[in-house]
Protein backbone atom coordinates (compact mmCIF):
# COMPACT_ATOMS: atom_id res chain seq x y z
CA MET A 1 89.81 -12.13 -46.74
CA ASN A 2 86.50 -13.59 -45.53
CA VAL A 3 86.28 -13.99 -41.75
CA LEU A 4 83.62 -15.82 -39.76
CA LEU A 5 83.38 -15.25 -36.01
CA TYR A 6 81.52 -17.81 -33.93
CA THR A 7 79.82 -17.01 -30.62
CA PRO A 8 77.73 -19.47 -28.59
CA SER A 9 74.93 -16.93 -28.06
CA ALA A 10 73.92 -13.27 -28.22
CA ARG A 11 73.19 -12.98 -24.50
CA ILE A 12 75.21 -10.74 -22.18
CA GLY A 13 78.45 -12.47 -21.26
CA GLY A 14 82.18 -11.87 -21.58
CA VAL A 15 82.69 -13.95 -24.73
CA GLU A 16 79.51 -12.69 -26.35
CA VAL A 17 80.16 -8.99 -25.69
CA TRP A 18 83.71 -9.40 -26.99
CA SER A 19 82.47 -11.19 -30.14
CA PHE A 20 79.90 -8.53 -31.02
CA THR A 21 82.28 -5.64 -30.29
CA PHE A 22 85.04 -7.25 -32.36
CA PHE A 23 82.61 -8.04 -35.19
CA LEU A 24 81.54 -4.42 -35.52
CA GLN A 25 85.14 -3.18 -35.45
CA LEU A 26 86.21 -5.65 -38.16
CA LEU A 27 83.41 -4.31 -40.36
CA LYS A 28 84.66 -0.76 -39.72
CA GLU A 29 88.14 -1.87 -40.77
CA GLY A 30 86.72 -3.06 -44.08
CA ILE A 31 87.11 -6.79 -43.38
CA ASP A 32 84.43 -9.00 -44.93
CA THR A 33 83.09 -10.49 -41.68
CA THR A 34 80.16 -12.69 -40.66
CA LEU A 35 79.14 -13.24 -37.06
CA PHE A 36 77.51 -16.64 -36.52
CA SER A 37 75.67 -17.09 -33.22
CA GLY A 38 74.26 -20.27 -31.73
CA GLU A 39 71.35 -18.34 -30.18
CA SER A 40 69.63 -14.98 -30.41
CA GLY A 41 69.69 -12.42 -27.60
CA VAL A 42 69.82 -8.78 -26.59
CA LEU A 43 73.17 -8.16 -28.29
CA ALA A 44 71.69 -9.20 -31.63
CA ASP A 45 68.65 -6.99 -31.05
CA ASN A 46 70.94 -3.96 -30.75
CA LEU A 47 72.59 -4.47 -34.15
CA SER A 48 71.75 -1.98 -36.89
CA ILE A 49 69.76 -3.11 -39.93
CA GLU A 50 72.92 -2.92 -42.03
CA ASN A 51 75.02 -4.99 -39.60
CA LYS A 52 72.30 -7.63 -39.31
CA LYS A 53 72.98 -8.46 -42.95
CA SER A 54 76.28 -9.98 -41.79
CA PHE A 55 74.78 -11.73 -38.76
CA VAL A 56 73.57 -15.35 -38.81
CA ILE A 57 71.79 -17.38 -36.12
CA GLY A 58 71.81 -21.15 -36.33
CA THR A 59 72.73 -24.53 -34.90
CA PHE A 60 76.22 -25.96 -35.25
CA ALA A 61 74.98 -28.19 -38.05
CA GLU A 62 73.77 -25.06 -39.84
CA LEU A 63 77.21 -23.52 -39.31
CA ILE A 64 78.76 -26.51 -41.10
CA CYS A 65 76.26 -26.11 -43.95
CA TYR A 66 77.11 -22.39 -44.13
CA LEU A 67 80.83 -23.18 -44.41
CA ASN A 68 80.07 -25.71 -47.12
CA GLU A 69 78.11 -23.18 -49.18
CA ASN A 70 79.99 -19.89 -48.59
CA PRO A 71 83.60 -18.75 -49.08
CA VAL A 72 85.34 -18.49 -45.69
CA ASP A 73 89.09 -18.05 -45.28
CA ILE A 74 89.27 -17.70 -41.49
CA ILE A 75 86.96 -19.07 -38.83
CA HIS A 76 87.52 -17.74 -35.32
CA PHE A 77 86.25 -19.71 -32.31
CA PRO A 78 86.27 -19.15 -28.55
CA SER A 79 88.12 -22.13 -27.05
CA GLN A 80 84.96 -23.44 -25.34
CA ALA A 81 83.38 -24.00 -28.76
CA ILE A 82 85.21 -27.34 -28.65
CA ASP A 83 82.10 -28.52 -26.75
CA ASP A 84 79.93 -27.79 -29.80
CA GLY A 85 82.12 -29.77 -32.18
CA ALA A 86 84.39 -26.95 -33.38
CA GLY A 87 87.43 -29.19 -33.07
CA PHE A 88 86.34 -31.10 -36.19
CA ILE A 89 85.90 -28.10 -38.50
CA LYS A 90 89.47 -28.21 -39.84
CA SER A 91 89.16 -31.86 -40.83
CA LEU A 92 85.87 -31.12 -42.63
CA PHE A 93 87.21 -27.98 -44.36
CA PRO A 94 91.02 -28.28 -44.61
CA LYS A 95 91.41 -25.04 -46.58
CA ILE A 96 89.82 -22.89 -43.85
CA LYS A 97 92.23 -21.50 -41.27
CA VAL A 98 91.01 -22.00 -37.70
CA VAL A 99 91.91 -19.40 -35.04
CA VAL A 100 91.04 -19.99 -31.38
CA THR A 101 90.93 -17.47 -28.52
CA CYS A 102 91.18 -18.64 -24.90
CA HIS A 103 88.80 -16.41 -22.97
CA GLY A 104 89.26 -17.80 -19.49
CA ALA A 105 90.47 -21.39 -19.48
CA ILE A 106 93.13 -23.56 -21.06
CA PRO A 107 92.22 -24.75 -24.60
CA ILE A 108 91.44 -28.39 -23.83
CA GLY A 109 91.10 -30.37 -27.07
CA TRP A 110 92.82 -27.82 -29.30
CA THR A 111 96.13 -28.76 -30.95
CA SER A 112 97.98 -28.17 -34.21
CA LYS A 113 95.84 -30.97 -35.68
CA ASN A 114 92.62 -28.97 -35.51
CA CYS A 115 93.62 -25.27 -35.44
CA ASP A 116 96.17 -22.91 -36.96
CA GLN A 117 96.63 -20.40 -34.15
CA ILE A 118 95.74 -20.12 -30.47
CA ILE A 119 95.52 -16.69 -28.88
CA SER A 120 95.15 -15.94 -25.17
CA LEU A 121 93.39 -12.80 -23.95
CA ALA A 122 95.78 -12.59 -20.98
CA LYS A 123 99.43 -13.38 -20.37
CA TRP A 124 98.75 -15.70 -17.42
CA LEU A 125 96.98 -18.13 -19.77
CA CYS A 126 99.75 -18.34 -22.39
CA LYS A 127 102.06 -20.83 -20.70
CA PRO A 128 99.45 -23.42 -19.57
CA SER A 129 97.69 -23.09 -22.95
CA ALA A 130 100.95 -23.71 -24.82
CA ARG A 131 101.71 -26.68 -22.56
CA ILE A 132 98.45 -28.52 -23.21
CA SER A 133 98.14 -27.62 -26.92
CA GLY A 134 101.79 -28.09 -27.88
CA MET A 135 101.59 -24.83 -29.85
CA ASP A 136 103.01 -21.34 -29.46
CA VAL A 137 100.35 -19.21 -27.76
CA SER A 138 100.59 -15.42 -27.87
CA CYS A 139 98.57 -12.81 -25.99
CA ILE A 140 96.24 -10.19 -27.46
CA TYR A 141 94.48 -8.18 -24.78
CA ASN A 142 90.75 -7.63 -25.15
CA GLY A 143 89.87 -4.16 -26.36
CA ILE A 144 86.80 -2.06 -25.64
CA ASP A 145 85.01 0.60 -27.65
CA PHE A 146 86.59 3.43 -25.66
CA LYS A 147 84.18 6.09 -26.94
CA LYS A 148 81.34 4.39 -25.05
CA PHE A 149 83.19 4.41 -21.74
CA ASN A 150 85.66 7.31 -21.72
CA THR A 151 85.68 10.25 -19.28
CA GLU A 152 86.72 12.97 -21.74
CA ASN A 153 83.70 15.02 -20.77
CA GLU A 154 84.20 16.90 -17.52
CA SER A 155 83.52 14.57 -14.62
CA LYS A 156 81.10 15.66 -11.94
CA GLN A 157 81.25 15.11 -8.24
CA THR A 158 78.39 14.65 -5.82
CA ASP A 159 77.99 14.71 -2.06
CA ASP A 160 76.08 11.40 -2.03
CA ASN A 161 77.48 8.44 -0.12
CA PRO A 162 80.18 6.54 -2.04
CA VAL A 163 78.98 3.43 -3.88
CA ILE A 164 80.49 -0.04 -3.81
CA LEU A 165 79.43 -1.62 -7.11
CA TRP A 166 79.34 -5.34 -7.93
CA VAL A 167 78.53 -6.52 -11.47
CA GLY A 168 77.93 -10.06 -12.73
CA ARG A 169 75.80 -13.18 -12.49
CA ALA A 170 75.00 -13.32 -8.78
CA ASP A 171 74.02 -17.01 -8.83
CA ASP A 172 77.28 -18.06 -10.54
CA ASP A 173 79.58 -19.49 -7.86
CA ILE A 174 82.67 -18.52 -9.89
CA LYS A 175 81.76 -14.82 -9.51
CA GLY A 176 81.95 -15.16 -5.72
CA LEU A 177 79.28 -12.70 -4.58
CA SER A 178 78.80 -14.78 -1.42
CA VAL A 179 82.14 -13.34 -0.21
CA LEU A 180 80.21 -10.18 0.72
CA ALA A 181 78.14 -12.04 3.30
CA ASN A 182 80.95 -11.83 5.86
CA ILE A 183 81.80 -8.15 5.29
CA ILE A 184 78.65 -6.41 4.06
CA ASP A 185 77.68 -5.20 7.54
CA ASP A 186 81.13 -3.67 8.04
CA ILE A 187 80.89 -1.92 4.67
CA LYS A 188 77.44 -0.54 5.49
CA MET A 189 78.66 0.73 8.88
CA LEU A 190 81.28 2.83 7.06
CA GLY A 191 78.46 4.65 5.27
CA PHE A 192 78.85 3.12 1.81
CA ALA A 193 75.92 2.31 -0.46
CA ILE A 194 76.09 -1.10 -2.16
CA TRP A 195 74.80 -1.69 -5.69
CA VAL A 196 74.55 -5.11 -7.32
CA ILE A 197 73.96 -5.09 -11.08
CA THR A 198 72.98 -8.60 -12.11
CA PRO A 199 70.58 -10.50 -14.38
CA SER A 200 69.91 -12.88 -11.45
CA ASN A 201 66.55 -12.58 -9.72
CA LYS A 202 66.46 -12.34 -5.91
CA LYS A 203 63.57 -14.81 -5.78
CA ASP A 204 65.65 -17.48 -7.53
CA LEU A 205 68.55 -17.40 -5.06
CA THR A 206 68.93 -20.61 -3.05
CA ASP A 207 72.27 -19.96 -1.34
CA GLN A 208 71.79 -18.52 2.17
CA ASP A 209 74.80 -16.20 1.90
CA LEU A 210 73.48 -14.76 -1.36
CA GLN A 211 70.03 -14.32 0.16
CA TYR A 212 71.59 -12.41 3.05
CA VAL A 213 73.62 -10.18 0.72
CA SER A 214 70.56 -9.45 -1.43
CA SER A 215 68.61 -8.37 1.67
CA LYS A 216 71.31 -5.87 2.66
CA VAL A 217 72.21 -4.12 -0.61
CA ASP A 218 70.77 -0.73 -1.56
CA VAL A 219 70.29 -1.58 -5.25
CA TRP A 220 69.75 -4.99 -6.84
CA LYS A 221 68.70 -4.80 -10.47
CA SER A 222 69.38 -5.76 -14.06
CA VAL A 223 70.66 -3.10 -16.47
CA GLU A 224 70.70 -3.14 -20.26
CA TYR A 225 74.25 -3.52 -21.54
CA GLN A 226 74.21 -0.18 -23.38
CA ASP A 227 73.42 1.54 -20.05
CA ILE A 228 76.31 -0.01 -18.11
CA PRO A 229 78.69 2.93 -18.85
CA ASN A 230 76.19 5.28 -17.16
CA VAL A 231 76.29 3.07 -14.06
CA PHE A 232 80.09 3.17 -13.94
CA ARG A 233 80.09 6.96 -14.37
CA ALA A 234 77.52 7.38 -11.59
CA VAL A 235 79.67 5.29 -9.25
CA SER A 236 82.78 7.24 -10.18
CA GLU A 237 81.02 10.57 -9.58
CA ARG A 238 80.04 9.39 -6.11
CA ASN A 239 83.68 8.56 -5.35
CA GLY A 240 82.89 4.85 -5.47
CA LEU A 241 84.53 1.75 -6.88
CA LEU A 242 83.93 -1.60 -8.53
CA LEU A 243 84.45 -4.61 -6.27
CA MET A 244 85.30 -7.92 -7.94
CA THR A 245 85.17 -11.20 -6.02
CA SER A 246 85.63 -13.77 -8.81
CA LYS A 247 87.39 -17.04 -8.11
CA ARG A 248 88.80 -16.88 -11.65
CA GLU A 249 88.75 -14.38 -14.53
CA GLY A 250 90.19 -14.74 -18.00
CA LEU A 251 90.92 -11.02 -18.04
CA GLY A 252 87.95 -9.26 -16.48
CA LEU A 253 86.24 -7.18 -19.15
CA VAL A 254 84.04 -5.46 -16.56
CA ALA A 255 87.16 -4.15 -14.79
CA ILE A 256 88.45 -2.61 -18.02
CA GLU A 257 85.08 -0.99 -18.77
CA ALA A 258 84.73 0.41 -15.23
CA GLN A 259 88.22 1.92 -15.24
CA ALA A 260 87.60 3.50 -18.65
CA CYS A 261 84.79 5.40 -16.91
CA GLY A 262 87.18 6.48 -14.15
CA CYS A 263 85.98 3.90 -11.63
CA PRO A 264 88.76 2.19 -9.60
CA VAL A 265 88.69 -1.59 -9.16
CA ILE A 266 89.31 -3.67 -6.05
CA GLY A 267 89.71 -7.36 -6.81
CA PRO A 268 91.46 -10.62 -5.91
CA ASN A 269 95.16 -10.88 -6.70
CA HIS A 270 94.96 -13.74 -9.20
CA THR A 271 94.42 -14.77 -12.84
CA GLY A 272 93.34 -12.08 -15.29
CA ILE A 273 92.40 -9.48 -12.68
CA GLN A 274 96.12 -9.01 -12.04
CA GLU A 275 96.40 -7.78 -15.63
CA SER A 276 93.13 -5.86 -16.08
CA ALA A 277 93.38 -3.87 -12.82
CA ILE A 278 95.39 -0.71 -13.48
CA ASP A 279 96.15 0.04 -9.83
CA LYS A 280 97.81 -3.13 -8.50
CA THR A 281 97.76 -1.79 -4.93
CA LEU A 282 93.99 -2.43 -4.88
CA LEU A 283 94.34 -6.20 -5.26
CA PHE A 284 93.67 -8.31 -2.18
CA ASN A 285 95.03 -11.72 -1.17
CA CYS A 286 92.35 -12.55 1.41
CA GLU A 287 88.83 -11.37 2.26
CA SER A 288 89.96 -9.66 5.46
CA GLU A 289 91.75 -7.00 3.37
CA ILE A 290 88.68 -5.87 1.43
CA VAL A 291 87.10 -3.49 3.95
CA SER A 292 90.32 -1.57 4.62
CA LEU A 293 91.00 -1.32 0.88
CA ILE A 294 87.52 0.11 0.34
CA GLN A 295 87.97 2.61 3.15
CA ASN A 296 91.39 3.76 1.89
CA THR A 297 90.36 3.94 -1.78
CA CYS A 298 87.39 6.25 -1.31
CA LEU A 299 89.60 9.30 -0.87
CA ALA A 300 88.63 12.95 -0.49
CA SER A 301 86.27 14.08 -3.25
CA ASN A 302 88.78 16.55 -4.67
CA THR A 303 91.16 13.73 -5.72
CA HIS A 304 88.92 11.11 -7.28
CA ILE A 305 88.34 13.04 -10.52
CA LYS A 306 92.06 13.18 -11.26
CA ARG A 307 92.40 9.49 -10.38
CA GLY A 308 89.52 8.62 -12.71
CA LYS A 309 91.09 10.42 -15.65
CA LEU A 310 94.40 8.66 -15.07
CA LEU A 311 92.63 5.27 -15.04
CA SER A 312 90.79 6.15 -18.24
CA PHE A 313 94.03 7.20 -19.92
CA GLU A 314 95.77 3.92 -19.02
CA VAL A 315 92.85 1.83 -20.27
CA LYS A 316 92.91 3.58 -23.63
CA LYS A 317 96.64 2.96 -23.91
CA VAL A 318 96.49 -0.78 -23.14
CA PHE A 319 92.98 -2.03 -23.98
CA GLU A 320 92.01 -0.03 -27.06
CA LEU A 321 89.68 -1.84 -29.48
CA LYS A 322 91.41 -0.74 -32.68
CA LYS A 323 94.76 -1.93 -31.35
CA MET A 324 93.28 -5.36 -30.56
CA THR A 325 91.60 -5.58 -33.96
CA GLN A 326 94.80 -4.75 -35.85
CA SER A 327 96.63 -7.46 -33.90
CA TYR A 328 94.02 -10.05 -34.88
CA ILE A 329 94.07 -8.96 -38.53
CA GLU A 330 97.85 -9.48 -38.52
CA CYS A 331 97.26 -12.92 -36.96
CA TYR A 332 94.76 -13.81 -39.72
CA LEU A 333 97.16 -12.71 -42.46
CA THR A 334 99.98 -14.72 -40.90
CA CYS A 335 97.80 -17.83 -40.91
CA LEU A 336 96.82 -17.31 -44.55
CA ASN A 337 100.41 -16.72 -45.67
CA ARG A 338 102.03 -19.47 -43.60
CA LEU A 339 103.77 -21.95 -45.88
CA SER A 340 104.42 -24.75 -43.38
CA ASP A 341 101.73 -26.84 -41.69
CA ASN A 342 104.12 -27.69 -38.86
CA LEU A 343 102.57 -25.63 -36.06
CA LYS A 344 104.08 -27.43 -33.09
CA ALA A 345 106.14 -25.33 -30.71
CA SER A 346 109.76 -26.14 -29.94
CA ARG A 347 109.70 -27.51 -26.39
CA SER A 348 112.05 -29.20 -23.96
CA LEU A 349 111.51 -32.80 -22.87
CA SER A 350 110.17 -31.71 -19.47
CA GLU A 351 107.66 -29.37 -21.14
CA LYS A 352 106.52 -32.19 -23.43
CA VAL A 353 106.04 -34.50 -20.45
CA ARG A 354 104.04 -31.85 -18.55
CA GLY A 355 101.92 -31.27 -21.63
CA PHE A 356 101.24 -34.99 -21.99
CA VAL A 357 100.23 -35.25 -18.31
CA ALA A 358 97.90 -32.24 -18.71
CA ARG A 359 96.21 -33.78 -21.74
CA VAL A 360 95.76 -37.11 -19.96
CA LYS A 361 94.26 -35.26 -16.97
CA TYR A 362 91.90 -32.94 -18.83
CA GLU A 363 91.31 -34.45 -22.27
CA ASN A 364 90.33 -37.80 -20.83
CA TYR A 365 87.73 -40.32 -21.96
CA TYR A 366 84.87 -38.52 -20.17
CA PHE A 367 85.76 -35.23 -21.86
CA ARG A 368 85.94 -36.96 -25.24
CA LYS A 369 82.68 -38.76 -24.57
CA SER A 370 80.89 -35.46 -23.88
CA ILE A 371 82.26 -34.06 -27.15
CA PHE A 372 81.17 -37.23 -28.95
CA LYS A 373 77.62 -36.97 -27.60
CA CYS A 374 77.27 -33.34 -28.66
CA THR A 375 78.68 -34.15 -32.07
CA GLN A 376 76.17 -36.95 -32.67
CA VAL A 377 73.37 -34.37 -32.37
CA VAL A 378 75.09 -32.42 -35.16
CA VAL A 379 75.55 -35.63 -37.18
CA ASN A 380 71.84 -36.43 -36.94
CA GLU A 381 70.83 -32.90 -37.94
CA LEU A 382 73.16 -33.00 -40.96
CA GLU A 383 71.51 -36.26 -42.03
CA GLN A 384 68.09 -34.62 -41.74
CA LYS A 385 69.37 -31.83 -43.99
CA LYS A 386 70.56 -34.55 -46.44
CA GLN A 387 74.19 -33.51 -46.00
CA PHE A 388 75.21 -37.17 -45.98
CA ALA A 389 78.85 -36.72 -46.98
CA LEU A 390 79.50 -34.18 -44.20
CA SER A 391 77.49 -36.24 -41.72
CA LYS A 392 79.47 -39.41 -42.47
CA GLN A 393 82.80 -37.61 -42.27
CA LEU A 394 81.93 -35.97 -38.94
CA LYS A 395 80.70 -39.29 -37.52
CA ILE A 396 83.96 -41.01 -38.44
CA LYS A 397 86.14 -38.20 -37.06
CA SER A 398 84.22 -37.96 -33.76
CA THR A 399 84.30 -41.73 -33.27
CA MET A 400 88.05 -41.81 -33.85
CA TYR A 401 88.47 -38.94 -31.38
CA LEU A 402 86.43 -40.78 -28.73
CA PHE A 403 88.78 -43.77 -28.86
CA TYR A 404 92.04 -41.74 -29.06
CA ILE A 405 92.69 -42.74 -32.69
């Protein structure tokens, strides 16, 4: 079985970290795997010389050329790769099985016509994804390399002030760091230190709330991905916690990683955070609850070590990388051995109507037009590479898609 994983880039991000981690685990499991990335980045730099032999960087046109020249049985896309033209791969290469993972949003544009299986990384996404795709959508939780994050070594405790940690892209509105503007003074008055780990530069912030938050925090810096576990451990040792303020999360990989290091998580009671947070009592429904949750969570220092080990144990049980990898391998084998091409789910009339309404709402002309524009760039590059047959086929398919044919 030859598997190709596609990731949009090799920069630090939820999809990218998942792709690289999964890629390395598939290789360990003996699966012939290639990771194809649209861009280079720090994650690629950290690959070993041996693993780089199975790593390819290129444009989407170069991905199509790769598929045309190399044996691939399974190609695995994140759902957002539809924007790059991934929805046309099955029509160009009918023998290749296409698997799609929804990492944080419904799979707009993906149906049984252009993929063989859709997987959600969280249960909350399964139903809306099934509705819009018309396919059965199952859940496989993201797994982490537990050895990098575990607390098997004896945890320490310090007398330093507890730390409230925030991790993410500070200038991304979805991550919601501006929420802290209204409560940061109250948190500081309680004696907590506040650390923000982000690739965003203070000087580039334009939002006034973010500027205020950045002026109040004790630490604002970028950290290499391989050093993130050390940050979580340091926060845990100081009886601290991870605070999440996202407006939406597919699952919340950072929450899983923090808890594996024994660091409790306070976050909003919605989307994937409801599933990634081990202690559901630490989820808030409104901003006014955050300060009291922080105060109540930072318990006496003689209890946080036991709590951390319990969190770590639960993470290993639910979000273990090998468990996730085995589930995907079973999914790949099912796709390869499936005799029928009828992949539509059995649905009631009301579910079909709701699915139709969702597709009209989201997969509208403007969405299709944006896909068409991106695809024409690929078409032109294929022509430059003298791949005229593939270029012509892709041009026809994308034009038909634009006009709902």
